[in-house]
């Protein structure tokens, strides 16, 4: 796409969670919609549990066989990837001439 790496995406997500959870807590307290304790609990949740769950789900998706092959095939330095027929002929790679069957 734009040459953005997985590390750049995860770094941006971590930054956004940190920034917006603090901002959200400030807004909730200033409007009187939350106490300091409940806003602190929300911030703790957003900074603690949410990134962990998001990282877990991202890791499952990003490290699947098809995602790894797609990432490698997207590199301009890679001219061919030889894999098993079931992967090479899957819907994800059927139009990609870099991914070929053994």
PDB file of N, CA and C in Angstrom:
ATOM      1  N   UNK A   1       0.840  -1.179   0.000  1.00  0.00           N
ATOM      2  CA  UNK A   1       0.000   0.000   0.000  1.00  0.00           C
ATOM      3  C   UNK A   1       0.881   1.237   0.000  1.00  0.00           C
ATOM      4  N   UNK A   2       1.350   1.706   1.156  1.00  0.00           N
ATOM      5  CA  UNK A   2       2.207   2.883   1.235  1.00  0.00           C
ATOM      6  C   UNK A   2       3.572   2.525   1.787  1.00  0.00           C
ATOM      7  N   UNK A   3       3.874   1.268   1.885  1.00  0.00           N
ATOM      8  CA  UNK A   3       5.133   0.838   2.466  1.00  0.00           C
ATOM      9  C   UNK A   3       5.125   0.907   3.982  1.00  0.00           C
ATOM     10  N   UNK A   4       3.948   0.896   4.591  1.00  0.00           N
ATOM     11  CA  UNK A   4       3.835   0.946   6.044  1.00  0.00           C
ATOM     12  C   UNK A   4       4.074  -0.452   6.592  1.00  0.00           C
ATOM     13  N   UNK A   5       4.924  -0.550   7.606  1.00  0.00           N
ATOM     14  CA  UNK A   5       5.223  -1.852   8.194  1.00  0.00           C
ATOM     15  C   UNK A   5       4.268  -2.153   9.348  1.00  0.00           C
ATOM     16  N   UNK A   6       4.251  -3.403   9.763  1.00  0.00           N
ATOM     17  CA  UNK A   6       3.427  -3.825  10.893  1.00  0.00           C
ATOM     18  C   UNK A   6       3.854  -3.085  12.156  1.00  0.00           C
ATOM     19  N   UNK A   7       5.138  -2.870  12.335  1.00  0.00           N
ATOM     20  CA  UNK A   7       5.618  -2.145  13.509  1.00  0.00           C
ATOM     21  C   UNK A   7       5.093  -0.716  13.539  1.00  0.00           C
ATOM     22  N   UNK A   8       5.014  -0.075  12.392  1.00  0.00           N
ATOM     23  CA  UNK A   8       4.483   1.281  12.332  1.00  0.00           C
ATOM     24  C   UNK A   8       2.998   1.306  12.675  1.00  0.00           C
ATOM     25  N   UNK A   9       2.262   0.329  12.213  1.00  0.00           N
ATOM     26  CA  UNK A   9       0.834   0.254  12.508  1.00  0.00           C
ATOM     27  C   UNK A   9       0.617   0.036  14.002  1.00  0.00           C
ATOM     28  N   UNK A  10       1.316  -0.917  14.589  1.00  0.00           N
ATOM     29  CA  UNK A  10       1.132  -1.189  16.013  1.00  0.00           C
ATOM     30  C   UNK A  10       1.592  -0.010  16.867  1.00  0.00           C
ATOM     31  N   UNK A  11       2.637   0.667  16.462  1.00  0.00           N
ATOM     32  CA  UNK A  11       3.086   1.849  17.189  1.00  0.00           C
ATOM     33  C   UNK A  11       2.026   2.943  17.157  1.00  0.00           C
ATOM     34  N   UNK A  12       1.406   3.137  16.015  1.00  0.00           N
ATOM     35  CA  UNK A  12       0.350   4.141  15.886  1.00  0.00           C
ATOM     36  C   UNK A  12      -0.853   3.777  16.746  1.00  0.00           C
ATOM     37  N   UNK A  13      -1.207   2.511  16.771  1.00  0.00           N
ATOM     38  CA  UNK A  13      -2.334   2.062  17.601  1.00  0.00           C
ATOM     39  C   UNK A  13      -2.032   2.292  19.072  1.00  0.00           C
ATOM     40  N   UNK A  14      -0.819   1.949  19.518  1.00  0.00           N
ATOM     41  CA  UNK A  14      -0.443   2.177  20.919  1.00  0.00           C
ATOM     42  C   UNK A  14      -0.514   3.657  21.267  1.00  0.00           C
ATOM     43  N   UNK A  15      -0.020   4.510  20.385  1.00  0.00           N
ATOM     44  CA  UNK A  15      -0.062   5.950  20.629  1.00  0.00           C
ATOM     45  C   UNK A  15      -1.506   6.431  20.744  1.00  0.00           C
ATOM     46  N   UNK A  16      -2.354   5.994  19.816  1.00  0.00           N
ATOM     47  CA  UNK A  16      -3.746   6.440  19.812  1.00  0.00           C
ATOM     48  C   UNK A  16      -4.478   6.008  21.082  1.00  0.00           C
ATOM     49  N   UNK A  17      -4.251   4.784  21.520  1.00  0.00           N
ATOM     50  CA  UNK A  17      -4.897   4.306  22.747  1.00  0.00           C
ATOM     51  C   UNK A  17      -4.441   5.143  23.938  1.00  0.00           C
ATOM     52  N   UNK A  18      -3.156   5.405  24.029  1.00  0.00           N
ATOM     53  CA  UNK A  18      -2.629   6.198  25.138  1.00  0.00           C
ATOM     54  C   UNK A  18      -3.187   7.612  25.111  1.00  0.00           C
ATOM     55  N   UNK A  19      -3.132   8.256  23.969  1.00  0.00           N
ATOM     56  CA  UNK A  19      -3.572   9.648  23.848  1.00  0.00           C
ATOM     57  C   UNK A  19      -5.072   9.781  24.095  1.00  0.00           C
ATOM     58  N   UNK A  20      -5.860   8.989  23.392  1.00  0.00           N
ATOM     59  CA  UNK A  20      -7.304   9.165  23.470  1.00  0.00           C
ATOM     60  C   UNK A  20      -7.904   8.669  24.779  1.00  0.00           C
ATOM     61  N   UNK A  21      -7.290   7.682  25.443  1.00  0.00           N
ATOM     62  CA  UNK A  21      -7.837   7.265  26.737  1.00  0.00           C
ATOM     63  C   UNK A  21      -7.627   8.358  27.777  1.00  0.00           C
ATOM     64  N   UNK A  22      -6.476   9.024  27.747  1.00  0.00           N
ATOM     65  CA  UNK A  22      -6.241  10.134  28.676  1.00  0.00           C
ATOM     66  C   UNK A  22      -7.180  11.300  28.362  1.00  0.00           C
ATOM     67  N   UNK A  23      -7.355  11.609  27.100  1.00  0.00           N
ATOM     68  CA  UNK A  23      -8.251  12.694  26.705  1.00  0.00           C
ATOM     69  C   UNK A  23      -9.700  12.379  27.079  1.00  0.00           C
ATOM     70  N   UNK A  24     -10.112  11.140  26.861  1.00  0.00           N
ATOM     71  CA  UNK A  24     -11.469  10.733  27.200  1.00  0.00           C
ATOM     72  C   UNK A  24     -11.713  10.857  28.699  1.00  0.00           C
ATOM     73  N   UNK A  25     -10.759  10.430  29.500  1.00  0.00           N
ATOM     74  CA  UNK A  25     -10.902  10.552  30.948  1.00  0.00           C
ATOM     75  C   UNK A  25     -11.046  12.008  31.359  1.00  0.00           C
ATOM     76  N   UNK A  26     -10.242  12.884  30.773  1.00  0.00           N
ATOM     77  CA  UNK A  26     -10.331  14.311  31.079  1.00  0.00           C
ATOM     78  C   UNK A  26     -11.684  14.898  30.738  1.00  0.00           C
ATOM     79  N   UNK A  27     -12.232  14.530  29.591  1.00  0.00           N
ATOM     80  CA  UNK A  27     -13.547  15.022  29.180  1.00  0.00           C
ATOM     81  C   UNK A  27     -14.628  14.508  30.116  1.00  0.00           C
ATOM     82  N   UNK A  28     -14.580  13.228  30.449  1.00  0.00           N
ATOM     83  CA  UNK A  28     -15.595  12.652  31.335  1.00  0.00           C
ATOM     84  C   UNK A  28     -15.596  13.331  32.695  1.00  0.00           C
ATOM     85  N   UNK A  29     -14.422  13.603  33.237  1.00  0.00           N
ATOM     86  CA  UNK A  29     -14.330  14.262  34.546  1.00  0.00           C
ATOM     87  C   UNK A  29     -14.792  15.710  34.451  1.00  0.00           C
ATOM     88  N   UNK A  30     -14.346  16.429  33.422  1.00  0.00           N
ATOM     89  CA  UNK A  30     -14.695  17.846  33.303  1.00  0.00           C
ATOM     90  C   UNK A  30     -16.189  18.067  33.083  1.00  0.00           C
ATOM     91  N   UNK A  31     -16.850  17.142  32.432  1.00  0.00           N
ATOM     92  CA  UNK A  31     -18.291  17.248  32.201  1.00  0.00           C
ATOM     93  C   UNK A  31     -19.103  16.747  33.389  1.00  0.00           C
ATOM     94  N   UNK A  32     -18.438  16.125  34.350  1.00  0.00           N
ATOM     95  CA  UNK A  32     -19.138  15.593  35.512  1.00  0.00           C
ATOM     96  C   UNK A  32     -19.812  14.263  35.254  1.00  0.00           C
ATOM     97  N   UNK A  33     -19.465  13.630  34.140  1.00  0.00           N
ATOM     98  CA  UNK A  33     -20.074  12.350  33.793  1.00  0.00           C
ATOM     99  C   UNK A  33     -19.380  11.178  34.483  1.00  0.00           C
ATOM    100  N   UNK A  34     -18.234  11.437  35.070  1.00  0.00           N
ATOM    101  CA  UNK A  34     -17.496  10.374  35.755  1.00  0.00           C
ATOM    102  C   UNK A  34     -16.717  10.974  36.921  1.00  0.00           C
ATOM    103  N   UNK A  35     -16.530  10.163  37.932  1.00  0.00           N
ATOM    104  CA  UNK A  35     -15.685  10.587  39.042  1.00  0.00           C
ATOM    105  C   UNK A  35     -14.233  10.328  38.668  1.00  0.00           C
ATOM    106  N   UNK A  36     -13.348  10.874  39.441  1.00  0.00           N
ATOM    107  CA  UNK A  36     -11.928  10.657  39.195  1.00  0.00           C
ATOM    108  C   UNK A  36     -11.597   9.166  39.283  1.00  0.00           C
ATOM    109  N   UNK A  37     -12.213   8.478  40.235  1.00  0.00           N
ATOM    110  CA  UNK A  37     -11.940   7.042  40.412  1.00  0.00           C
ATOM    111  C   UNK A  37     -12.443   6.224  39.225  1.00  0.00           C
ATOM    112  N   UNK A  38     -13.658   6.534  38.750  1.00  0.00           N
ATOM    113  CA  UNK A  38     -14.176   5.752  37.614  1.00  0.00           C
ATOM    114  C   UNK A  38     -13.414   6.077  36.334  1.00  0.00           C
ATOM    115  N   UNK A  39     -12.997   7.331  36.163  1.00  0.00           N
ATOM    116  CA  UNK A  39     -12.190   7.684  34.992  1.00  0.00           C
ATOM    117  C   UNK A  39     -10.831   7.011  35.057  1.00  0.00           C
ATOM    118  N   UNK A  40     -10.265   6.916  36.269  1.00  0.00           N
ATOM    119  CA  UNK A  40      -8.979   6.220  36.431  1.00  0.00           C
ATOM    120  C   UNK A  40      -9.132   4.739  36.091  1.00  0.00           C
ATOM    121  N   UNK A  41     -10.261   4.151  36.496  1.00  0.00           N
ATOM    122  CA  UNK A  41     -10.514   2.741  36.172  1.00  0.00           C
ATOM    123  C   UNK A  41     -10.654   2.556  34.660  1.00  0.00           C
ATOM    124  N   UNK A  42     -11.342   3.482  33.999  1.00  0.00           N
ATOM    125  CA  UNK A  42     -11.489   3.418  32.547  1.00  0.00           C
ATOM    126  C   UNK A  42     -10.133   3.547  31.858  1.00  0.00           C
ATOM    127  N   UNK A  43      -9.326   4.491  32.324  1.00  0.00           N
ATOM    128  CA  UNK A  43      -7.998   4.673  31.748  1.00  0.00           C
ATOM    129  C   UNK A  43      -7.142   3.436  31.952  1.00  0.00           C
ATOM    130  N   UNK A  44      -7.227   2.850  33.138  1.00  0.00           N
ATOM    131  CA  UNK A  44      -6.475   1.623  33.413  1.00  0.00           C
ATOM    132  C   UNK A  44      -6.904   0.511  32.466  1.00  0.00           C
ATOM    133  N   UNK A  45      -8.202   0.401  32.243  1.00  0.00           N
ATOM    134  CA  UNK A  45      -8.702  -0.606  31.309  1.00  0.00           C
ATOM    135  C   UNK A  45      -8.184  -0.339  29.907  1.00  0.00           C
ATOM    136  N   UNK A  46      -8.317   0.898  29.447  1.00  0.00           N
ATOM    137  CA  UNK A  46      -7.906   1.228  28.079  1.00  0.00           C
ATOM    138  C   UNK A  46      -6.402   1.087  27.882  1.00  0.00           C
ATOM    139  N   UNK A  47      -5.622   1.428  28.913  1.00  0.00           N
ATOM    140  CA  UNK A  47      -4.169   1.334  28.780  1.00  0.00           C
ATOM    141  C   UNK A  47      -3.642  -0.064  29.089  1.00  0.00           C
ATOM    142  N   UNK A  48      -4.419  -0.866  29.792  1.00  0.00           N
ATOM    143  CA  UNK A  48      -3.956  -2.186  30.197  1.00  0.00           C
ATOM    144  C   UNK A  48      -4.537  -3.328  29.392  1.00  0.00           C
ATOM    145  N   UNK A  49      -5.814  -3.534  29.529  1.00  0.00           N
ATOM    146  CA  UNK A  49      -6.451  -4.706  28.925  1.00  0.00           C
ATOM    147  C   UNK A  49      -6.651  -4.565  27.417  1.00  0.00           C
ATOM    148  N   UNK A  50      -7.157  -3.427  26.981  1.00  0.00           N
ATOM    149  CA  UNK A  50      -7.470  -3.256  25.556  1.00  0.00           C
ATOM    150  C   UNK A  50      -6.257  -3.458  24.647  1.00  0.00           C
ATOM    151  N   UNK A  51      -5.092  -2.857  24.947  1.00  0.00           N
ATOM    152  CA  UNK A  51      -3.937  -3.102  24.074  1.00  0.00           C
ATOM    153  C   UNK A  51      -3.493  -4.558  24.068  1.00  0.00           C
ATOM    154  N   UNK A  52      -3.623  -5.217  25.209  1.00  0.00           N
ATOM    155  CA  UNK A  52      -3.250  -6.629  25.272  1.00  0.00           C
ATOM    156  C   UNK A  52      -4.121  -7.497  24.390  1.00  0.00           C
ATOM    157  N   UNK A  53      -5.411  -7.261  24.454  1.00  0.00           N
ATOM    158  CA  UNK A  53      -6.353  -8.015  23.620  1.00  0.00           C
ATOM    159  C   UNK A  53      -6.131  -7.687  22.143  1.00  0.00           C
ATOM    160  N   UNK A  54      -5.962  -6.405  21.844  1.00  0.00           N
ATOM    161  CA  UNK A  54      -5.732  -5.998  20.456  1.00  0.00           C
ATOM    162  C   UNK A  54      -4.442  -6.611  19.905  1.00  0.00           C
ATOM    163  N   UNK A  55      -3.395  -6.631  20.722  1.00  0.00           N
ATOM    164  CA  UNK A  55      -2.124  -7.226  20.298  1.00  0.00           C
ATOM    165  C   UNK A  55      -2.270  -8.715  20.054  1.00  0.00           C
ATOM    166  N   UNK A  56      -3.019  -9.393  20.914  1.00  0.00           N
ATOM    167  CA  UNK A  56      -3.258 -10.829  20.770  1.00  0.00           C
ATOM    168  C   UNK A  56      -3.979 -11.127  19.455  1.00  0.00           C
ATOM    169  N   UNK A  57      -5.062 -10.398  19.192  1.00  0.00           N
ATOM    170  CA  UNK A  57      -5.841 -10.619  17.971  1.00  0.00           C
ATOM    171  C   UNK A  57      -5.002 -10.275  16.736  1.00  0.00           C
ATOM    172  N   UNK A  58      -4.285  -9.150  16.788  1.00  0.00           N
ATOM    173  CA  UNK A  58      -3.427  -8.741  15.669  1.00  0.00           C
ATOM    174  C   UNK A  58      -2.370  -9.811  15.400  1.00  0.00           C
ATOM    175  N   UNK A  59      -1.773 -10.327  16.460  1.00  0.00           N
ATOM    176  CA  UNK A  59      -0.745 -11.357  16.307  1.00  0.00           C
ATOM    177  C   UNK A  59      -1.270 -12.615  15.643  1.00  0.00           C
ATOM    178  N   UNK A  60      -2.476 -13.021  16.024  1.00  0.00           N
ATOM    179  CA  UNK A  60      -3.072 -14.205  15.393  1.00  0.00           C
ATOM    180  C   UNK A  60      -3.267 -13.988  13.898  1.00  0.00           C
ATOM    181  N   UNK A  61      -3.752 -12.806  13.535  1.00  0.00           N
ATOM    182  CA  UNK A  61      -4.001 -12.523  12.124  1.00  0.00           C
ATOM    183  C   UNK A  61      -2.701 -12.300  11.356  1.00  0.00           C
ATOM    184  N   UNK A  62      -1.820 -11.482  11.904  1.00  0.00           N
ATOM    185  CA  UNK A  62      -0.617 -11.083  11.170  1.00  0.00           C
ATOM    186  C   UNK A  62       0.377 -12.218  10.985  1.00  0.00           C
ATOM    187  N   UNK A  63       0.334 -13.205  11.866  1.00  0.00           N
ATOM    188  CA  UNK A  63       1.305 -14.290  11.774  1.00  0.00           C
ATOM    189  C   UNK A  63       0.721 -15.577  11.198  1.00  0.00           C
ATOM    190  N   UNK A  64      -0.425 -15.457  10.546  1.00  0.00           N
ATOM    191  CA  UNK A  64      -0.970 -16.632   9.866  1.00  0.00           C
ATOM    192  C   UNK A  64      -0.127 -16.896   8.617  1.00  0.00           C
ATOM    193  N   UNK A  65      -0.213 -18.098   8.093  1.00  0.00           N
ATOM    194  CA  UNK A  65       0.567 -18.447   6.899  1.00  0.00           C
ATOM    195  C   UNK A  65       0.244 -17.526   5.730  1.00  0.00           C
ATOM    196  N   UNK A  66      -1.048 -17.310   5.503  1.00  0.00           N
ATOM    197  CA  UNK A  66      -1.425 -16.505   4.340  1.00  0.00           C
ATOM    198  C   UNK A  66      -0.991 -15.045   4.491  1.00  0.00           C
ATOM    199  N   UNK A  67      -1.039 -14.498   5.706  1.00  0.00           N
ATOM    200  CA  UNK A  67      -0.593 -13.116   5.912  1.00  0.00           C
ATOM    201  C   UNK A  67       0.914 -12.989   5.722  1.00  0.00           C
ATOM    202  N   UNK A  68       1.659 -13.976   6.179  1.00  0.00           N
ATOM    203  CA  UNK A  68       3.108 -13.957   6.013  1.00  0.00           C
ATOM    204  C   UNK A  68       3.482 -14.032   4.530  1.00  0.00           C
ATOM    205  N   UNK A  69       2.808 -14.898   3.787  1.00  0.00           N
ATOM    206  CA  UNK A  69       3.071 -15.028   2.353  1.00  0.00           C
ATOM    207  C   UNK A  69       2.670 -13.746   1.622  1.00  0.00           C
ATOM    208  N   UNK A  70       1.537 -13.168   1.994  1.00  0.00           N
ATOM    209  CA  UNK A  70       1.091 -11.921   1.351  1.00  0.00           C
ATOM    210  C   UNK A  70       2.077 -10.785   1.621  1.00  0.00           C
ATOM    211  N   UNK A  71       2.602 -10.717   2.848  1.00  0.00           N
ATOM    212  CA  UNK A  71       3.574  -9.667   3.180  1.00  0.00           C
ATOM    213  C   UNK A  71       4.859  -9.845   2.377  1.00  0.00           C
ATOM    214  N   UNK A  72       5.304 -11.085   2.254  1.00  0.00           N
ATOM    215  CA  UNK A  72       6.519 -11.348   1.478  1.00  0.00           C
ATOM    216  C   UNK A  72       6.298 -11.058  -0.005  1.00  0.00           C
ATOM    217  N   UNK A  73       5.138 -11.433  -0.524  1.00  0.00           N
ATOM    218  CA  UNK A  73       4.839 -11.204  -1.946  1.00  0.00           C
ATOM    219  C   UNK A  73       4.719  -9.711  -2.265  1.00  0.00           C
ATOM    220  N   UNK A  74       4.379  -8.905  -1.283  1.00  0.00           N
ATOM    221  CA  UNK A  74       4.230  -7.466  -1.502  1.00  0.00           C
ATOM    222  C   UNK A  74       5.579  -6.747  -1.619  1.00  0.00           C
ATOM    223  N   UNK A  75       6.651  -7.389  -1.191  1.00  0.00           N
ATOM    224  CA  UNK A  75       7.971  -6.765  -1.275  1.00  0.00           C
ATOM    225  C   UNK A  75       8.446  -6.743  -2.724  1.00  0.00           C
ATOM    226  N   UNK A  76       8.925  -5.614  -3.197  1.00  0.00           N
ATOM    227  CA  UNK A  76       9.385  -5.541  -4.590  1.00  0.00           C
ATOM    228  C   UNK A  76      10.618  -6.401  -4.852  1.00  0.00           C
ATOM    229  N   UNK A  77      11.378  -6.703  -3.809  1.00  0.00           N
ATOM    230  CA  UNK A  77      12.589  -7.513  -3.971  1.00  0.00           C
ATOM    231  C   UNK A  77      12.275  -8.989  -4.179  1.00  0.00           C
ATOM    232  N   UNK A  78      11.065  -9.414  -3.844  1.00  0.00           N
ATOM    233  CA  UNK A  78      10.671 -10.818  -3.962  1.00  0.00           C
ATOM    234  C   UNK A  78      10.059 -11.033  -5.345  1.00  0.00           C
ATOM    235  N   UNK A  79      10.627 -11.996  -6.065  1.00  0.00           N
ATOM    236  CA  UNK A  79      10.146 -12.255  -7.423  1.00  0.00           C
ATOM    237  C   UNK A  79       9.230 -13.462  -7.492  1.00  0.00           C
ATOM    238  N   UNK A  80       9.390 -14.415  -6.558  1.00  0.00           N
ATOM    239  CA  UNK A  80       8.568 -15.617  -6.593  1.00  0.00           C
ATOM    240  C   UNK A  80       8.546 -16.266  -5.219  1.00  0.00           C
ATOM    241  N   UNK A  81       7.385 -16.805  -4.864  1.00  0.00           N
ATOM    242  CA  UNK A  81       7.229 -17.577  -3.635  1.00  0.00           C
ATOM    243  C   UNK A  81       6.650 -18.922  -4.046  1.00  0.00           C
ATOM    244  N   UNK A  82       7.356 -19.979  -3.721  1.00  0.00           N
ATOM    245  CA  UNK A  82       6.902 -21.326  -4.056  1.00  0.00           C
ATOM    246  C   UNK A  82       6.300 -21.935  -2.797  1.00  0.00           C
ATOM    247  N   UNK A  83       5.063 -22.376  -2.894  1.00  0.00           N
ATOM    248  CA  UNK A  83       4.352 -22.922  -1.747  1.00  0.00           C
ATOM    249  C   UNK A  83       3.509 -24.121  -2.181  1.00  0.00           C
ATOM    250  N   UNK A  84       2.733 -24.634  -1.275  1.00  0.00           N
ATOM    251  CA  UNK A  84       1.892 -25.792  -1.578  1.00  0.00           C
ATOM    252  C   UNK A  84       0.734 -25.366  -2.489  1.00  0.00           C
ATOM    253  N   UNK A  85       0.193 -26.311  -3.262  1.00  0.00           N
ATOM    254  CA  UNK A  85      -0.898 -25.969  -4.178  1.00  0.00           C
ATOM    255  C   UNK A  85      -2.134 -25.390  -3.489  1.00  0.00           C
ATOM    256  N   UNK A  86      -2.469 -25.913  -2.297  1.00  0.00           N
ATOM    257  CA  UNK A  86      -3.674 -25.403  -1.639  1.00  0.00           C
ATOM    258  C   UNK A  86      -3.545 -23.925  -1.265  1.00  0.00           C
ATOM    259  N   UNK A  87      -2.360 -23.483  -0.891  1.00  0.00           N
ATOM    260  CA  UNK A  87      -2.158 -22.068  -0.576  1.00  0.00           C
ATOM    261  C   UNK A  87      -2.044 -21.247  -1.861  1.00  0.00           C
ATOM    262  N   UNK A  88      -1.268 -21.724  -2.806  1.00  0.00           N
ATOM    263  CA  UNK A  88      -1.057 -20.972  -4.047  1.00  0.00           C
ATOM    264  C   UNK A  88      -2.351 -20.777  -4.837  1.00  0.00           C
ATOM    265  N   UNK A  89      -3.260 -21.735  -4.764  1.00  0.00           N
ATOM    266  CA  UNK A  89      -4.502 -21.658  -5.528  1.00  0.00           C
ATOM    267  C   UNK A  89      -5.674 -21.135  -4.699  1.00  0.00           C
ATOM    268  N   UNK A  90      -5.393 -20.675  -3.484  1.00  0.00           N
ATOM    269  CA  UNK A  90      -6.471 -20.116  -2.664  1.00  0.00           C
ATOM    270  C   UNK A  90      -6.931 -18.794  -3.269  1.00  0.00           C
ATOM    271  N   UNK A  91      -8.111 -18.360  -2.885  1.00  0.00           N
ATOM    272  CA  UNK A  91      -8.700 -17.139  -3.446  1.00  0.00           C
ATOM    273  C   UNK A  91      -7.814 -15.918  -3.224  1.00  0.00           C
ATOM    274  N   UNK A  92      -7.076 -15.911  -2.123  1.00  0.00           N
ATOM    275  CA  UNK A  92      -6.234 -14.754  -1.809  1.00  0.00           C
ATOM    276  C   UNK A  92      -5.080 -14.596  -2.804  1.00  0.00           C
ATOM    277  N   UNK A  93      -4.552 -15.711  -3.317  1.00  0.00           N
ATOM    278  CA  UNK A  93      -3.362 -15.655  -4.158  1.00  0.00           C
ATOM    279  C   UNK A  93      -3.594 -16.051  -5.617  1.00  0.00           C
ATOM    280  N   UNK A  94      -4.806 -16.362  -5.992  1.00  0.00           N
ATOM    281  CA  UNK A  94      -5.049 -16.856  -7.348  1.00  0.00           C
ATOM    282  C   UNK A  94      -4.671 -15.823  -8.409  1.00  0.00           C
ATOM    283  N   UNK A  95      -4.795 -14.541  -8.116  1.00  0.00           N
ATOM    284  CA  UNK A  95      -4.441 -13.495  -9.093  1.00  0.00           C
ATOM    285  C   UNK A  95      -3.020 -12.990  -8.926  1.00  0.00           C
ATOM    286  N   UNK A  96      -2.283 -13.522  -7.945  1.00  0.00           N
ATOM    287  CA  UNK A  96      -0.919 -13.053  -7.686  1.00  0.00           C
ATOM    288  C   UNK A  96       0.068 -13.976  -8.399  1.00  0.00           C
ATOM    289  N   UNK A  97       0.748 -13.469  -9.403  1.00  0.00           N
ATOM    290  CA  UNK A  97       1.659 -14.317 -10.178  1.00  0.00           C
ATOM    291  C   UNK A  97       2.973 -14.578  -9.440  1.00  0.00           C
ATOM    292  N   UNK A  98       3.193 -13.935  -8.292  1.00  0.00           N
ATOM    293  CA  UNK A  98       4.409 -14.203  -7.504  1.00  0.00           C
ATOM    294  C   UNK A  98       4.277 -15.487  -6.673  1.00  0.00           C
ATOM    295  N   UNK A  99       3.061 -15.843  -6.289  1.00  0.00           N
ATOM    296  CA  UNK A  99       2.829 -17.030  -5.445  1.00  0.00           C
ATOM    297  C   UNK A  99       2.478 -18.189  -6.352  1.00  0.00           C
ATOM    298  N   UNK A 100       3.376 -19.181  -6.404  1.00  0.00           N
ATOM    299  CA  UNK A 100       3.199 -20.326  -7.295  1.00  0.00           C
ATOM    300  C   UNK A 100       3.259 -21.628  -6.509  1.00  0.00           C
ATOM    301  N   UNK A 101       2.640 -22.667  -7.076  1.00  0.00           N
ATOM    302  CA  UNK A 101       2.612 -23.976  -6.432  1.00  0.00           C
ATOM    303  C   UNK A 101       3.879 -24.746  -6.741  1.00  0.00           C
ATOM    304  N   UNK A 102       4.243 -25.640  -5.833  1.00  0.00           N
ATOM    305  CA  UNK A 102       5.404 -26.520  -5.975  1.00  0.00           C
ATOM    306  C   UNK A 102       5.208 -27.477  -7.116  1.00  0.00           C
TER     307      UNK A 102
END
